[in-house]
Amino acid sequence: KFNYQLKFYEINKLKKVDNREIVEIINKYLDQSIFLIPLNKISDSIYNLNWVEDVNLSTNFKNTIKVNIKEFQPLGLFFFNDRKYYFSENGKIIDRYYENLNNEDFIVFHGSESLKNATKIINILNKIQFNQFAKITDAFFINKRRWNISLSNDIIVYLSEKNIEDSLNNYIKIIKNLKSSEIASINTIDLRNNEKAIIRFK
């Protein structure tokens, strides 16, 4: 037997969204008629929470509201005003990143236009499996047109504006032919011209 009042809620498993924030929104409507619950209003409130990419609400028409949330999957970190922020595939800032609380391994992007262009370079990196050969710590979008990448081995690589994939593959070819001691002595590798490489040593 049901009294058709909102008594319970079910929330799908979440990694980033704080369940307490969702509960706080729903609690305002407890004990109200299940048929009069303003699902659109609740949905809008939840949608405005950090990490919520999409939300779907439904009721069992008895006493329970079901909340299904799709969370943003961060693409990387954006450096701005001495702080780092998670951002999504479409360049949306999701939330602030706290180094003492998080240990995710993301590239840190720099430059006002870097968010608009981050997806392209990450797709290329994944395509050629670049991380097997070098770990990128930072990516700098230079003059709103091309990238410099900083690697965990302290090498900075200047990439071509139009042929990013070729530049990255050329870096791999160079590194494969060098000894560890030789790699450690490199400061920068300029691959903006895909016909040659200019290596500067420390």
C-alpha atoms as a PDB file:
ATOM      1  CA  LYS A   1       0.000   0.000   0.000  1.00  0.00           C
ATOM      2  CA  PHE A   2       1.320   3.413  -0.978  1.00  0.00           C
ATOM      3  CA  ASN A   3       0.330   6.910   0.018  1.00  0.00           C
ATOM      4  CA  TYR A   4       1.800   8.284  -3.249  1.00  0.00           C
ATOM      5  CA  GLN A   5       4.128  10.658  -1.463  1.00  0.00           C
ATOM      6  CA  LEU A   6       7.818  10.979  -2.165  1.00  0.00           C
ATOM      7  CA  LYS A   7       9.630   8.970   0.499  1.00  0.00           C
ATOM      8  CA  PHE A   8      12.694   7.474  -1.173  1.00  0.00           C
ATOM      9  CA  TYR A   9      15.267   8.162  -3.840  1.00  0.00           C
ATOM     10  CA  GLU A  10      17.657   6.017  -5.850  1.00  0.00           C
ATOM     11  CA  ILE A  11      20.889   7.490  -7.251  1.00  0.00           C
ATOM     12  CA  ASN A  12      23.179   5.686  -9.655  1.00  0.00           C
ATOM     13  CA  LYS A  13      26.773   5.076  -8.590  1.00  0.00           C
ATOM     14  CA  LEU A  14      28.906   8.190  -8.949  1.00  0.00           C
ATOM     15  CA  LYS A  15      32.620   8.931  -8.780  1.00  0.00           C
ATOM     16  CA  LYS A  16      32.825  12.712  -8.760  1.00  0.00           C
ATOM     17  CA  VAL A  17      29.389  14.158  -8.020  1.00  0.00           C
ATOM     18  CA  ASP A  18      28.742  14.508  -4.299  1.00  0.00           C
ATOM     19  CA  ASN A  19      25.630  12.497  -3.401  1.00  0.00           C
ATOM     20  CA  ARG A  20      24.965  14.825  -0.502  1.00  0.00           C
ATOM     21  CA  GLU A  21      24.333  17.706  -2.896  1.00  0.00           C
ATOM     22  CA  ILE A  22      21.758  15.638  -4.779  1.00  0.00           C
ATOM     23  CA  VAL A  23      20.066  14.524  -1.562  1.00  0.00           C
ATOM     24  CA  GLU A  24      19.874  18.130  -0.407  1.00  0.00           C
ATOM     25  CA  ILE A  25      18.036  19.067  -3.591  1.00  0.00           C
ATOM     26  CA  ILE A  26      15.585  16.153  -3.364  1.00  0.00           C
ATOM     27  CA  ASN A  27      14.913  16.483   0.366  1.00  0.00           C
ATOM     28  CA  LYS A  28      13.003  19.709  -0.269  1.00  0.00           C
ATOM     29  CA  TYR A  29      10.268  17.628  -1.887  1.00  0.00           C
ATOM     30  CA  LEU A  30       9.986  14.733   0.539  1.00  0.00           C
ATOM     31  CA  ASP A  31       6.434  13.911   1.638  1.00  0.00           C
ATOM     32  CA  GLN A  32       4.961  15.782  -1.308  1.00  0.00           C
ATOM     33  CA  SER A  33       2.650  14.080  -3.793  1.00  0.00           C
ATOM     34  CA  ILE A  34       4.667  11.934  -6.173  1.00  0.00           C
ATOM     35  CA  PHE A  35       2.494  13.255  -9.009  1.00  0.00           C
ATOM     36  CA  LEU A  36       3.329  16.891  -8.235  1.00  0.00           C
ATOM     37  CA  ILE A  37       7.095  16.580  -7.910  1.00  0.00           C
ATOM     38  CA  PRO A  38       8.656  19.214 -10.276  1.00  0.00           C
ATOM     39  CA  LEU A  39      11.041  16.894 -12.111  1.00  0.00           C
ATOM     40  CA  ASN A  40      12.217  19.608 -14.480  1.00  0.00           C
ATOM     41  CA  LYS A  41      13.110  21.937 -11.638  1.00  0.00           C
ATOM     42  CA  ILE A  42      14.966  19.189  -9.768  1.00  0.00           C
ATOM     43  CA  SER A  43      16.717  18.171 -12.960  1.00  0.00           C
ATOM     44  CA  ASP A  44      17.878  21.750 -13.595  1.00  0.00           C
ATOM     45  CA  SER A  45      19.262  22.040 -10.055  1.00  0.00           C
ATOM     46  CA  ILE A  46      21.200  18.787 -10.379  1.00  0.00           C
ATOM     47  CA  TYR A  47      22.412  19.697 -13.860  1.00  0.00           C
ATOM     48  CA  ASN A  48      24.041  22.826 -12.425  1.00  0.00           C
ATOM     49  CA  LEU A  49      26.253  20.783 -10.092  1.00  0.00           C
ATOM     50  CA  ASN A  50      29.908  20.310 -10.965  1.00  0.00           C
ATOM     51  CA  TRP A  51      30.684  17.101 -12.899  1.00  0.00           C
ATOM     52  CA  VAL A  52      27.102  16.611 -14.117  1.00  0.00           C
ATOM     53  CA  GLU A  53      27.070  16.276 -17.898  1.00  0.00           C
ATOM     54  CA  ASP A  54      23.499  14.980 -18.129  1.00  0.00           C
ATOM     55  CA  VAL A  55      20.745  13.910 -15.768  1.00  0.00           C
ATOM     56  CA  ASN A  56      17.603  11.835 -16.166  1.00  0.00           C
ATOM     57  CA  LEU A  57      14.858  11.673 -13.521  1.00  0.00           C
ATOM     58  CA  SER A  58      11.924   9.323 -13.242  1.00  0.00           C
ATOM     59  CA  THR A  59       9.474   8.111 -10.588  1.00  0.00           C
ATOM     60  CA  ASN A  60       7.821   4.778  -9.918  1.00  0.00           C
ATOM     61  CA  PHE A  61       4.519   6.673  -9.483  1.00  0.00           C
ATOM     62  CA  LYS A  62       4.365   5.397  -5.930  1.00  0.00           C
ATOM     63  CA  ASN A  63       6.958   6.823  -3.559  1.00  0.00           C
ATOM     64  CA  THR A  64      10.405   6.846  -5.193  1.00  0.00           C
ATOM     65  CA  ILE A  65      12.353   9.132  -7.476  1.00  0.00           C
ATOM     66  CA  LYS A  66      15.179   7.654  -9.546  1.00  0.00           C
ATOM     67  CA  VAL A  67      18.184   9.808 -10.427  1.00  0.00           C
ATOM     68  CA  ASN A  68      20.485   8.764 -13.244  1.00  0.00           C
ATOM     69  CA  ILE A  69      23.479  11.027 -13.779  1.00  0.00           C
ATOM     70  CA  LYS A  70      26.111  10.973 -16.490  1.00  0.00           C
ATOM     71  CA  GLU A  71      29.323  12.484 -15.212  1.00  0.00           C
ATOM     72  CA  PHE A  72      31.850  14.443 -17.236  1.00  0.00           C
ATOM     73  CA  GLN A  73      34.988  12.542 -18.167  1.00  0.00           C
ATOM     74  CA  PRO A  74      37.879  15.018 -17.891  1.00  0.00           C
ATOM     75  CA  LEU A  75      40.138  15.293 -20.913  1.00  0.00           C
ATOM     76  CA  GLY A  76      42.949  17.109 -19.140  1.00  0.00           C
ATOM     77  CA  LEU A  77      43.839  19.996 -16.862  1.00  0.00           C
ATOM     78  CA  PHE A  78      43.814  23.690 -17.782  1.00  0.00           C
ATOM     79  CA  PHE A  79      46.272  26.056 -16.092  1.00  0.00           C
ATOM     80  CA  PHE A  80      44.817  29.493 -15.426  1.00  0.00           C
ATOM     81  CA  ASN A  81      45.635  32.143 -12.810  1.00  0.00           C
ATOM     82  CA  ASP A  82      48.056  29.815 -11.009  1.00  0.00           C
ATOM     83  CA  ARG A  83      45.385  27.142 -10.637  1.00  0.00           C
ATOM     84  CA  LYS A  84      44.523  23.948 -12.457  1.00  0.00           C
ATOM     85  CA  TYR A  85      41.039  22.991 -13.613  1.00  0.00           C
ATOM     86  CA  TYR A  86      39.573  19.815 -15.067  1.00  0.00           C
ATOM     87  CA  PHE A  87      38.064  20.332 -18.510  1.00  0.00           C
ATOM     88  CA  SER A  88      35.897  18.182 -20.768  1.00  0.00           C
ATOM     89  CA  GLU A  89      36.179  17.084 -24.388  1.00  0.00           C
ATOM     90  CA  ASN A  90      34.154  20.082 -25.543  1.00  0.00           C
ATOM     91  CA  GLY A  91      36.389  22.515 -23.636  1.00  0.00           C
ATOM     92  CA  LYS A  92      34.066  23.090 -20.686  1.00  0.00           C
ATOM     93  CA  ILE A  93      35.711  23.810 -17.333  1.00  0.00           C
ATOM     94  CA  ILE A  94      34.392  21.179 -14.920  1.00  0.00           C
ATOM     95  CA  ASP A  95      35.936  21.838 -11.538  1.00  0.00           C
ATOM     96  CA  ARG A  96      39.113  22.950  -9.819  1.00  0.00           C
ATOM     97  CA  TYR A  97      41.913  20.405  -9.404  1.00  0.00           C
ATOM     98  CA  TYR A  98      43.602  20.073  -6.010  1.00  0.00           C
ATOM     99  CA  GLU A  99      46.962  18.340  -6.173  1.00  0.00           C
ATOM    100  CA  ASN A 100      46.907  17.274  -2.526  1.00  0.00           C
ATOM    101  CA  LEU A 101      43.536  15.545  -3.021  1.00  0.00           C
ATOM    102  CA  ASN A 102      43.891  14.081  -6.508  1.00  0.00           C
ATOM    103  CA  ASN A 103      46.524  11.975  -8.182  1.00  0.00           C
ATOM    104  CA  GLU A 104      45.122  11.591 -11.681  1.00  0.00           C
ATOM    105  CA  ASP A 105      47.644  11.661 -14.496  1.00  0.00           C
ATOM    106  CA  PHE A 106      46.540  14.368 -16.938  1.00  0.00           C
ATOM    107  CA  ILE A 107      48.372  16.668 -19.321  1.00  0.00           C
ATOM    108  CA  VAL A 108      48.293  20.278 -18.135  1.00  0.00           C
ATOM    109  CA  PHE A 109      47.289  22.624 -20.961  1.00  0.00           C
ATOM    110  CA  HIS A 110      48.414  26.245 -21.164  1.00  0.00           C
ATOM    111  CA  GLY A 111      47.208  29.075 -23.386  1.00  0.00           C
ATOM    112  CA  SER A 112      43.912  30.851 -23.915  1.00  0.00           C
ATOM    113  CA  GLU A 113      43.006  28.817 -27.010  1.00  0.00           C
ATOM    114  CA  SER A 114      44.363  25.490 -25.775  1.00  0.00           C
ATOM    115  CA  LEU A 115      40.962  24.197 -24.628  1.00  0.00           C
ATOM    116  CA  LYS A 116      39.546  24.497 -28.132  1.00  0.00           C
ATOM    117  CA  ASN A 117      42.427  22.518 -29.602  1.00  0.00           C
ATOM    118  CA  ALA A 118      43.190  19.978 -26.865  1.00  0.00           C
ATOM    119  CA  THR A 119      40.942  17.235 -28.247  1.00  0.00           C
ATOM    120  CA  LYS A 120      42.775  17.183 -31.582  1.00  0.00           C
ATOM    121  CA  ILE A 121      46.244  16.675 -30.109  1.00  0.00           C
ATOM    122  CA  ILE A 122      45.042  14.132 -27.537  1.00  0.00           C
ATOM    123  CA  ASN A 123      43.377  12.095 -30.278  1.00  0.00           C
ATOM    124  CA  ILE A 124      46.658  12.082 -32.195  1.00  0.00           C
ATOM    125  CA  LEU A 125      48.618  11.068 -29.085  1.00  0.00           C
ATOM    126  CA  ASN A 126      46.233   8.181 -28.477  1.00  0.00           C
ATOM    127  CA  LYS A 127      46.305   7.130 -32.132  1.00  0.00           C
ATOM    128  CA  ILE A 128      50.089   6.732 -32.226  1.00  0.00           C
ATOM    129  CA  GLN A 129      50.278   5.556 -28.573  1.00  0.00           C
ATOM    130  CA  PHE A 130      52.817   8.240 -27.816  1.00  0.00           C
ATOM    131  CA  ASN A 131      52.775   7.553 -24.067  1.00  0.00           C
ATOM    132  CA  GLN A 132      54.643   4.316 -24.702  1.00  0.00           C
ATOM    133  CA  PHE A 133      57.679   6.398 -25.625  1.00  0.00           C
ATOM    134  CA  ALA A 134      57.341   9.570 -23.548  1.00  0.00           C
ATOM    135  CA  LYS A 135      55.047  11.063 -20.937  1.00  0.00           C
ATOM    136  CA  ILE A 136      53.778  14.565 -21.658  1.00  0.00           C
ATOM    137  CA  THR A 137      53.419  16.702 -18.555  1.00  0.00           C
ATOM    138  CA  ASP A 138      52.441  20.032 -20.138  1.00  0.00           C
ATOM    139  CA  ALA A 139      51.205  21.293 -23.503  1.00  0.00           C
ATOM    140  CA  PHE A 140      51.564  24.959 -24.466  1.00  0.00           C
ATOM    141  CA  PHE A 141      49.489  26.395 -27.297  1.00  0.00           C
ATOM    142  CA  ILE A 142      51.831  28.946 -28.864  1.00  0.00           C
ATOM    143  CA  ASN A 143      50.499  32.064 -30.623  1.00  0.00           C
ATOM    144  CA  LYS A 144      47.087  30.374 -30.912  1.00  0.00           C
ATOM    145  CA  ARG A 145      48.341  28.113 -33.711  1.00  0.00           C
ATOM    146  CA  ARG A 146      50.780  25.363 -32.641  1.00  0.00           C
ATOM    147  CA  TRP A 147      52.050  23.303 -29.702  1.00  0.00           C
ATOM    148  CA  ASN A 148      55.138  22.979 -27.573  1.00  0.00           C
ATOM    149  CA  ILE A 149      55.076  19.918 -25.341  1.00  0.00           C
ATOM    150  CA  SER A 150      57.056  19.399 -22.155  1.00  0.00           C
ATOM    151  CA  LEU A 151      58.019  15.811 -21.358  1.00  0.00           C
ATOM    152  CA  SER A 152      58.751  14.031 -18.105  1.00  0.00           C
ATOM    153  CA  ASN A 153      62.357  13.554 -19.269  1.00  0.00           C
ATOM    154  CA  ASP A 154      62.708  17.387 -19.175  1.00  0.00           C
ATOM    155  CA  ILE A 155      62.772  17.739 -22.965  1.00  0.00           C
ATOM    156  CA  ILE A 156      60.665  20.404 -24.649  1.00  0.00           C
ATOM    157  CA  VAL A 157      59.486  19.510 -28.154  1.00  0.00           C
ATOM    158  CA  TYR A 158      58.369  22.130 -30.687  1.00  0.00           C
ATOM    159  CA  LEU A 159      55.655  20.633 -32.901  1.00  0.00           C
ATOM    160  CA  SER A 160      54.691  21.529 -36.441  1.00  0.00           C
ATOM    161  CA  GLU A 161      51.609  23.691 -36.835  1.00  0.00           C
ATOM    162  CA  LYS A 162      49.961  21.548 -39.508  1.00  0.00           C
ATOM    163  CA  ASN A 163      51.649  18.161 -39.155  1.00  0.00           C
ATOM    164  CA  ILE A 164      51.438  17.333 -35.464  1.00  0.00           C
ATOM    165  CA  GLU A 165      51.377  13.592 -35.990  1.00  0.00           C
ATOM    166  CA  ASP A 166      54.479  13.691 -38.189  1.00  0.00           C
ATOM    167  CA  SER A 167      56.333  15.740 -35.569  1.00  0.00           C
ATOM    168  CA  LEU A 168      55.452  13.285 -32.814  1.00  0.00           C
ATOM    169  CA  ASN A 169      56.473  10.301 -34.933  1.00  0.00           C
ATOM    170  CA  ASN A 170      59.755  12.031 -35.737  1.00  0.00           C
ATOM    171  CA  TYR A 171      60.411  12.483 -32.029  1.00  0.00           C
ATOM    172  CA  ILE A 172      59.861   8.759 -31.494  1.00  0.00           C
ATOM    173  CA  LYS A 173      62.313   7.920 -34.297  1.00  0.00           C
ATOM    174  CA  ILE A 174      64.955  10.206 -32.791  1.00  0.00           C
ATOM    175  CA  ILE A 175      64.591   8.895 -29.245  1.00  0.00           C
ATOM    176  CA  LYS A 176      64.768   5.266 -30.371  1.00  0.00           C
ATOM    177  CA  ASN A 177      68.246   5.898 -31.758  1.00  0.00           C
ATOM    178  CA  LEU A 178      69.686   7.616 -28.684  1.00  0.00           C
ATOM    179  CA  LYS A 179      71.209   6.301 -25.483  1.00  0.00           C
ATOM    180  CA  SER A 180      69.760   7.257 -22.114  1.00  0.00           C
ATOM    181  CA  SER A 181      72.751   9.462 -21.373  1.00  0.00           C
ATOM    182  CA  GLU A 182      72.267  11.290 -24.681  1.00  0.00           C
ATOM    183  CA  ILE A 183      68.555  11.809 -24.044  1.00  0.00           C
ATOM    184  CA  ALA A 184      69.317  13.219 -20.594  1.00  0.00           C
ATOM    185  CA  SER A 185      71.557  15.894 -22.133  1.00  0.00           C
ATOM    186  CA  ILE A 186      68.861  17.289 -24.477  1.00  0.00           C
ATOM    187  CA  ASN A 187      67.071  20.540 -23.681  1.00  0.00           C
ATOM    188  CA  THR A 188      64.812  21.051 -26.711  1.00  0.00           C
ATOM    189  CA  ILE A 189      63.996  19.337 -29.999  1.00  0.00           C
ATOM    190  CA  ASP A 190      62.584  21.599 -32.697  1.00  0.00           C
ATOM    191  CA  LEU A 191      60.388  19.556 -35.067  1.00  0.00           C
ATOM    192  CA  ARG A 192      58.431  22.398 -36.628  1.00  0.00           C
ATOM    193  CA  ASN A 193      60.018  21.536 -39.978  1.00  0.00           C
ATOM    194  CA  ASN A 194      59.291  17.863 -40.580  1.00  0.00           C
ATOM    195  CA  GLU A 195      62.268  17.592 -42.920  1.00  0.00           C
ATOM    196  CA  LYS A 196      64.776  18.178 -40.110  1.00  0.00           C
ATOM    197  CA  ALA A 197      65.234  18.266 -36.372  1.00  0.00           C
ATOM    198  CA  ILE A 198      67.128  20.909 -34.447  1.00  0.00           C
ATOM    199  CA  ILE A 199      68.391  19.587 -31.113  1.00  0.00           C
ATOM    200  CA  ARG A 200      69.662  21.899 -28.397  1.00  0.00           C
ATOM    201  CA  PHE A 201      71.593  20.481 -25.493  1.00  0.00           C
ATOM    202  CA  LYS A 202      71.685  21.602 -21.876  1.00  0.00           C
END
